Every structure is written in C-alpha cells, then in structure tokens.
C-alpha atoms as a PDB file:
ATOM      1  CA  MET A   1     115.916  74.593 145.791  1.00  0.00           C
ATOM      2  CA  MET A   2     116.590  78.285 146.225  1.00  0.00           C
ATOM      3  CA  GLN A   3     118.875  77.628 149.189  1.00  0.00           C
ATOM      4  CA  LYS A   4     120.825  74.981 147.253  1.00  0.00           C
ATOM      5  CA  LYS A   5     121.311  77.429 144.406  1.00  0.00           C
ATOM      6  CA  MET A   6     122.454  80.064 146.885  1.00  0.00           C
ATOM      7  CA  LYS A   7     124.942  77.672 148.493  1.00  0.00           C
ATOM      8  CA  ARG A   8     126.397  76.761 145.095  1.00  0.00           C
ATOM      9  CA  MET A   9     126.796  80.419 144.148  1.00  0.00           C
ATOM     10  CA  THR A  10     128.330  81.345 147.480  1.00  0.00           C
ATOM     11  CA  LYS A  11     130.806  78.474 147.206  1.00  0.00           C
ATOM     12  CA  LYS A  12     131.961  79.823 143.856  1.00  0.00           C
ATOM     13  CA  LYS A  13     132.215  83.432 145.073  1.00  0.00           C
ATOM     14  CA  LYS A  14     133.139  82.795 148.684  1.00  0.00           C
ATOM     15  CA  LEU A  15     136.503  84.435 148.333  1.00  0.00           C
ATOM     16  CA  THR A  16     135.121  87.686 146.924  1.00  0.00           C
ATOM     17  CA  LEU A  17     131.954  88.013 149.008  1.00  0.00           C
ATOM     18  CA  PRO A  18     132.288  89.747 152.381  1.00  0.00           C
ATOM     19  CA  PRO A  19     130.746  87.916 155.360  1.00  0.00           C
ATOM     20  CA  GLU A  20     128.446  90.829 156.215  1.00  0.00           C
ATOM     21  CA  ASP A  21     126.830  90.523 152.771  1.00  0.00           C
ATOM     22  CA  LEU A  22     126.132  86.851 153.461  1.00  0.00           C
ATOM     23  CA  GLU A  23     124.631  87.886 156.794  1.00  0.00           C
ATOM     24  CA  TYR A  24     122.406  90.471 155.079  1.00  0.00           C
ATOM     25  CA  ILE A  25     121.242  87.874 152.549  1.00  0.00           C
ATOM     26  CA  SER A  26     120.430  85.359 155.289  1.00  0.00           C
ATOM     27  CA  GLN A  27     118.527  88.036 157.243  1.00  0.00           C
ATOM     28  CA  ILE A  28     116.459  88.912 154.162  1.00  0.00           C
ATOM     29  CA  LYS A  29     115.708  85.247 153.484  1.00  0.00           C
ATOM     30  CA  ARG A  30     114.685  84.720 157.118  1.00  0.00           C
ATOM     31  CA  VAL A  31     112.294  87.676 156.970  1.00  0.00           C
ATOM     32  CA  LEU A  32     110.830  86.417 153.679  1.00  0.00           C
ATOM     33  CA  GLU A  33     110.219  82.998 155.227  1.00  0.00           C
ATOM     34  CA  LEU A  34     108.628  84.523 158.336  1.00  0.00           C
ATOM     35  CA  LEU A  35     106.363  86.717 156.227  1.00  0.00           C
ATOM     36  CA  LYS A  36     105.301  83.751 154.152  1.00  0.00           C
ATOM     37  CA  LYS A  37     104.693  81.552 157.201  1.00  0.00           C
ATOM     38  CA  ASN A  38     103.189  84.046 159.657  1.00  0.00           C
ATOM     39  CA  ARG A  39     101.488  86.533 157.365  1.00  0.00           C
ATOM     40  CA  ASP A  40     100.766  84.369 154.319  1.00  0.00           C
ATOM     41  CA  MET A  41     102.423  86.988 152.115  1.00  0.00           C
ATOM     42  CA  ILE A  42     103.675  85.904 148.739  1.00  0.00           C
ATOM     43  CA  PHE A  43     106.935  87.274 147.375  1.00  0.00           C
ATOM     44  CA  ASN A  44     105.260  89.745 145.007  1.00  0.00           C
ATOM     45  CA  GLU A  45     103.369  91.331 147.913  1.00  0.00           C
ATOM     46  CA  VAL A  46     106.623  91.807 149.832  1.00  0.00           C
ATOM     47  CA  LYS A  47     108.312  93.201 146.724  1.00  0.00           C
ATOM     48  CA  LEU A  48     105.457  95.635 146.168  1.00  0.00           C
ATOM     49  CA  THR A  49     105.612  96.745 149.796  1.00  0.00           C
ATOM     50  CA  ILE A  50     109.340  97.387 149.471  1.00  0.00           C
ATOM     51  CA  ALA A  51     108.908  99.221 146.150  1.00  0.00           C
ATOM     52  CA  ILE A  52     106.312 101.655 147.512  1.00  0.00           C
ATOM     53  CA  GLU A  53     107.941 104.806 148.796  1.00  0.00           C
ATOM     54  CA  ASP A  54     106.677 106.294 152.045  1.00  0.00           C
ATOM     55  CA  ILE A  55     105.760 109.883 151.271  1.00  0.00           C
ATOM     56  CA  ARG A  56     106.059 110.907 154.906  1.00  0.00           C
ATOM     57  CA  GLU A  57     109.648 109.677 155.023  1.00  0.00           C
ATOM     58  CA  VAL A  58     110.512 111.522 151.800  1.00  0.00           C
ATOM     59  CA  GLU A  59     108.960 114.738 153.122  1.00  0.00           C
ATOM     60  CA  ARG A  60     110.781 114.381 156.454  1.00  0.00           C
ATOM     61  CA  LYS A  61     114.126 113.927 154.691  1.00  0.00           C
ATOM     62  CA  ARG A  62     113.425 116.898 152.437  1.00  0.00           C
ATOM     63  CA  LEU A  63     112.512 119.156 155.353  1.00  0.00           C
ATOM     64  CA  LEU A  64     115.547 118.124 157.383  1.00  0.00           C
ATOM     65  CA  GLY A  65     117.822 118.428 154.352  1.00  0.00           C
ATOM     66  CA  ILE A  66     119.215 114.900 154.704  1.00  0.00           C
ATOM     67  CA  GLU A  67     118.394 113.719 151.208  1.00  0.00           C
ATOM     68  CA  ASP A  68     121.177 111.588 149.796  1.00  0.00           C
ATOM     69  CA  PRO A  69     121.283 111.554 145.984  1.00  0.00           C
ATOM     70  CA  ASP A  70     123.528 108.469 146.057  1.00  0.00           C
ATOM     71  CA  ALA A  71     121.106 106.474 148.219  1.00  0.00           C
ATOM     72  CA  PRO A  72     119.444 103.528 146.467  1.00  0.00           C
ATOM     73  CA  THR A  73     115.933 104.095 145.171  1.00  0.00           C
ATOM     74  CA  ARG A  74     112.940 101.942 146.096  1.00  0.00           C
ATOM     75  CA  GLU A  75     113.144 100.265 142.681  1.00  0.00           C
ATOM     76  CA  GLU A  76     116.776  99.321 143.350  1.00  0.00           C
ATOM     77  CA  LEU A  77     115.787  97.844 146.720  1.00  0.00           C
ATOM     78  CA  ALA A  78     113.050  95.824 145.021  1.00  0.00           C
ATOM     79  CA  ALA A  79     115.555  94.637 142.391  1.00  0.00           C
ATOM     80  CA  VAL A  80     117.977  93.542 145.136  1.00  0.00           C
ATOM     81  CA  LEU A  81     115.137  91.706 146.890  1.00  0.00           C
ATOM     82  CA  GLU A  82     114.299  89.915 143.658  1.00  0.00           C
ATOM     83  CA  GLU A  83     117.967  88.950 143.146  1.00  0.00           C
ATOM     84  CA  VAL A  84     118.173  87.563 146.681  1.00  0.00           C
ATOM     85  CA  ASN A  85     114.946  85.621 146.163  1.00  0.00           C
ATOM     86  CA  GLU A  86     116.315  84.135 142.926  1.00  0.00           C
ATOM     87  CA  GLY A  87     119.473  83.045 144.729  1.00  0.00           C
ATOM     88  CA  LYS A  88     121.761  85.558 143.058  1.00  0.00           C
ATOM     89  CA  ILE A  89     124.319  87.685 144.838  1.00  0.00           C
ATOM     90  CA  PRO A  90     123.383  91.369 144.466  1.00  0.00           C
ATOM     91  CA  LYS A  91     126.099  93.684 143.191  1.00  0.00           C
ATOM     92  CA  ASN A  92     124.653  96.770 144.873  1.00  0.00           C
ATOM     93  CA  ARG A  93     126.005  96.284 148.386  1.00  0.00           C
ATOM     94  CA  LEU A  94     124.584  99.521 149.781  1.00  0.00           C
ATOM     95  CA  ALA A  95     121.082  98.582 148.607  1.00  0.00           C
ATOM     96  CA  LEU A  96     121.564  95.102 150.099  1.00  0.00           C
ATOM     97  CA  LYS A  97     122.514  96.616 153.466  1.00  0.00           C
ATOM     98  CA  LEU A  98     119.581  99.063 153.460  1.00  0.00           C
ATOM     99  CA  LEU A  99     117.168  96.320 152.389  1.00  0.00           C
ATOM    100  CA  ALA A 100     118.331  94.036 155.208  1.00  0.00           C
ATOM    101  CA  GLU A 101     117.941  96.844 157.744  1.00  0.00           C
ATOM    102  CA  GLU A 102     114.478  97.725 156.465  1.00  0.00           C
ATOM    103  CA  MET A 103     113.268  94.140 156.394  1.00  0.00           C
ATOM    104  CA  ASN A 104     114.536  93.567 159.949  1.00  0.00           C
ATOM    105  CA  ARG A 105     112.441  96.548 161.059  1.00  0.00           C
ATOM    106  CA  TRP A 106     109.280  94.946 159.641  1.00  0.00           C
ATOM    107  CA  PRO A 107     106.574  95.442 162.288  1.00  0.00           C
ATOM    108  CA  ASN A 108     105.276  92.431 164.244  1.00  0.00           C
ATOM    109  CA  LEU A 109     107.371  90.041 162.221  1.00  0.00           C
ATOM    110  CA  GLU A 110     107.433  87.234 164.764  1.00  0.00           C
ATOM    111  CA  VAL A 111     103.730  87.457 165.613  1.00  0.00           C
ATOM    112  CA  GLN A 112     101.664  84.881 163.820  1.00  0.00           C
ATOM    113  CA  ILE A 113      98.221  86.021 162.809  1.00  0.00           C
ATOM    114  CA  LYS A 114      95.697  83.271 163.380  1.00  0.00           C
ATOM    115  CA  PRO A 115      92.627  83.264 161.208  1.00  0.00           C
ATOM    116  CA  ALA A 116      89.398  83.400 163.132  1.00  0.00           C
ATOM    117  CA  LYS A 117      87.883  79.940 163.045  1.00  0.00           C
ATOM    118  CA  LYS A 118      84.213  80.307 163.569  1.00  0.00           C
ATOM    119  CA  LYS A 119      81.526  77.713 163.418  1.00  0.00           C
ATOM    120  CA  PRO A 120      79.247  78.188 160.469  1.00  0.00           C
ATOM    121  CA  GLY A 121      76.082  79.865 161.576  1.00  0.00           C
ATOM    122  CA  LYS A 122      72.916  81.135 160.083  1.00  0.00           C
ATOM    123  CA  SER A 123      73.104  84.289 158.046  1.00  0.00           C
ATOM    124  CA  LEU A 124      71.416  87.422 159.333  1.00  0.00           C
ATOM    125  CA  TYR A 125      68.644  86.922 156.790  1.00  0.00           C
ATOM    126  CA  ALA A 126      68.066  83.327 157.891  1.00  0.00           C
ATOM    127  CA  LYS A 127      67.966  84.389 161.540  1.00  0.00           C
ATOM    128  CA  VAL A 128      65.295  87.011 160.874  1.00  0.00           C
ATOM    129  CA  THR A 129      63.110  85.113 158.427  1.00  0.00           C
ATOM    130  CA  ASP A 130      61.494  81.745 158.829  1.00  0.00           C
ATOM    131  CA  THR A 131      62.239  80.213 155.457  1.00  0.00           C
ATOM    132  CA  GLY A 132      61.110  76.724 156.311  1.00  0.00           C
ATOM    133  CA  ILE A 133      64.193  75.199 154.697  1.00  0.00           C
ATOM    134  CA  ASP A 134      64.993  71.690 155.814  1.00  0.00           C
ATOM    135  CA  LEU A 135      68.681  71.504 156.735  1.00  0.00           C
ATOM    136  CA  LYS A 136      68.954  67.910 155.546  1.00  0.00           C
ATOM    137  CA  GLU A 137      67.627  68.839 152.105  1.00  0.00           C
ATOM    138  CA  ALA A 138      69.898  71.883 151.919  1.00  0.00           C
ATOM    139  CA  ALA A 139      72.873  69.718 152.881  1.00  0.00           C
ATOM    140  CA  LYS A 140      72.083  67.313 150.058  1.00  0.00           C
ATOM    141  CA  ARG A 141      71.858  70.165 147.542  1.00  0.00           C
ATOM    142  CA  LEU A 142      75.131  71.702 148.723  1.00  0.00           C
ATOM    143  CA  ASN A 143      76.871  68.301 148.693  1.00  0.00           C
ATOM    144  CA  ILE A 144      77.945  68.480 152.331  1.00  0.00           C
ATOM    145  CA  ASP A 145      77.409  65.810 154.914  1.00  0.00           C
ATOM    146  CA  TRP A 146      74.569  66.164 157.385  1.00  0.00           C
ATOM    147  CA  ASP A 147      76.882  66.233 160.401  1.00  0.00           C
ATOM    148  CA  THR A 148      78.468  69.430 159.168  1.00  0.00           C
ATOM    149  CA  ALA A 149      75.085  70.962 158.380  1.00  0.00           C
ATOM    150  CA  ALA A 150      73.769  70.006 161.819  1.00  0.00           C
ATOM    151  CA  GLU A 151      76.558  71.990 163.475  1.00  0.00           C
ATOM    152  CA  ILE A 152      74.939  75.223 162.372  1.00  0.00           C
ATOM    153  CA  ASP A 153      74.151  76.679 165.717  1.00  0.00           C
ATOM    154  CA  ASP A 154      70.712  77.930 166.595  1.00  0.00           C
ATOM    155  CA  ALA A 155      71.878  79.260 169.955  1.00  0.00           C
ATOM    156  CA  ASP A 156      71.797  82.835 168.729  1.00  0.00           C
ATOM    157  CA  VAL A 157      68.188  82.543 167.584  1.00  0.00           C
ATOM    158  CA  LYS A 158      65.701  84.138 169.968  1.00  0.00           C
ATOM    159  CA  ASP A 159      62.077  83.075 170.194  1.00  0.00           C
ATOM    160  CA  GLU A 160      60.935  86.628 170.697  1.00  0.00           C
ATOM    161  CA  SER A 161      60.485  88.970 167.788  1.00  0.00           C
ATOM    162  CA  ASP A 162      62.387  92.221 167.335  1.00  0.00           C
ATOM    163  CA  VAL A 163      59.057  94.049 167.040  1.00  0.00           C
ATOM    164  CA  PRO A 164      57.186  94.545 170.330  1.00  0.00           C
ATOM    165  CA  SER A 165      53.975  92.533 170.592  1.00  0.00           C
ATOM    166  CA  VAL A 166      51.899  95.651 171.386  1.00  0.00           C
ATOM    167  CA  VAL A 167      52.716  97.292 168.088  1.00  0.00           C
ATOM    168  CA  GLY A 168      53.080  94.144 166.032  1.00  0.00           C
ATOM    169  CA  TYR A 169      53.512  94.423 162.310  1.00  0.00           C
ATOM    170  CA  GLY A 170      50.731  96.999 162.014  1.00  0.00           C
ATOM    171  CA  ALA A 171      53.205  99.858 162.377  1.00  0.00           C
ATOM    172  CA  LEU A 172      55.312  98.403 159.599  1.00  0.00           C
ATOM    173  CA  TYR A 173      52.285  98.160 157.291  1.00  0.00           C
ATOM    174  CA  LEU A 174      51.224 101.699 158.209  1.00  0.00           C
ATOM    175  CA  VAL A 175      54.643 103.133 157.374  1.00  0.00           C
ATOM    176  CA  THR A 176      54.617 101.242 154.083  1.00  0.00           C
ATOM    177  CA  LEU A 177      51.107 102.488 153.294  1.00  0.00           C
ATOM    178  CA  PHE A 178      52.006 106.226 153.523  1.00  0.00           C
ATOM    179  CA  PRO A 179      53.843 106.440 150.164  1.00  0.00           C
ATOM    180  CA  VAL A 180      51.012 104.575 148.481  1.00  0.00           C
ATOM    181  CA  ILE A 181      48.445 107.018 149.897  1.00  0.00           C
ATOM    182  CA  ILE A 182      50.551 109.995 148.800  1.00  0.00           C
ATOM    183  CA  GLY A 183      50.979 108.570 145.297  1.00  0.00           C
ATOM    184  CA  VAL A 184      47.270 107.866 144.841  1.00  0.00           C
ATOM    185  CA  SER A 185      46.312 111.326 146.148  1.00  0.00           C
ATOM    186  CA  VAL A 186      48.747 113.046 143.745  1.00  0.00           C
ATOM    187  CA  VAL A 187      47.312 111.118 140.798  1.00  0.00           C
ATOM    188  CA  LEU A 188      43.743 112.010 141.845  1.00  0.00           C
ATOM    189  CA  ILE A 189      44.617 115.704 142.249  1.00  0.00           C
ATOM    190  CA  LEU A 190      46.263 115.803 138.829  1.00  0.00           C
ATOM    191  CA  PHE A 191      43.333 114.026 137.241  1.00  0.00           C
ATOM    192  CA  TYR A 192      40.859 116.392 138.874  1.00  0.00           C
ATOM    193  CA  ASN A 193      42.849 119.456 137.751  1.00  0.00           C
ATOM    194  CA  SER A 194      43.052 118.165 134.188  1.00  0.00           C
ATOM    195  CA  LEU A 195      39.252 118.005 133.954  1.00  0.00           C
ATOM    196  CA  GLN A 196      38.797 121.710 134.714  1.00  0.00           C
END
C-alpha cells in the first residue's frame, strides 16, 4: 500500500522531483525492508535509532572544528524518515541525502540473524532436584501434547551427584548448622548475663 501511494505521488510530481531524490527514497525503503526482515526491527525502533545523536561524533566534530550549523539535526532526519515511510516526498533534500547515506552505512545490514532454536530441556532446578513429576501429567496440565513433552531431553542429566560420595551431604548440613549454633550460643550468653 505504501509503495502504491509513493508511485501515485511520484507520478504527480515526477517533473519536479530530481532522480537522485527518488534513488535516495528507494535506498531508504530498501534498508527499512531489510531491517524489518533480517533484524525484526519495527519502524519506531529504526526512527529512534536515527533520532539518537552519537555523542562521540558530536565531540569529534567539535574538536576538529567541522561543525556545520546548516546541517540537518537528528530530529529532522527522523522527520524525513517518517515522511518517506508514509509515502510522502520530503522537502528537505539535504536531510534526505544524509539519511540515505547514513542508512546505507547501517552495520551488517545484509546479514540475517537467526534465532537460536533449541530443544526444550529441563531447567537447572529440575536437573538438580528429583521432583518426581510425571511428564505425562505435566503435559496434560500445560495443555501440550505428550510427543512434545517427551522431547525434553534427559541426555544432559548425569547419574552421579555433584557432591562427592566421601563427603556426602554431611558437609552441607554442618555448614548449615554453624549459624544455628552461633545463634543459640548468643542467646544463652545474653540470658546468662541478664541473670547476674
């Protein structure tokens, strides 16, 4: 729909619109489509990225003394991007040119990021603890079919415990018992001192 609107507007203004402006508009639209397809970025995210000014670039221009007061601001670039997205022809040609150049320099534009597809597995808690949960019953409660629940891989589960068999859980109980012993001894000392 947006392209049809653009074609209608360009047909009306074809005589007054320079061909390089049409090229800039098509470049911007191509980058927007690539960002939506490859990066799953919506238009507002792209607009926000364009509107944010890079402080390092501003500082570099200030130090080198190449600041141009007539250069379009980031807000003007974002406004031009919005006009192009709506199918309008931007009046600010300099901002259109700078926006097209900046969007063509977008890093890794052609690279498609693939989401990591991983088989569902047990959580870290479920791997460590033996909860005794029946997968069929859990699948019924979660309203998923048993085949999907059966794909939860137990390959990562080891039969051996993380705690060495020599020490066992006695060390864990001993470490847990120390604060209790300290607390009881403090209460007894305070009680004994209060009687004197």
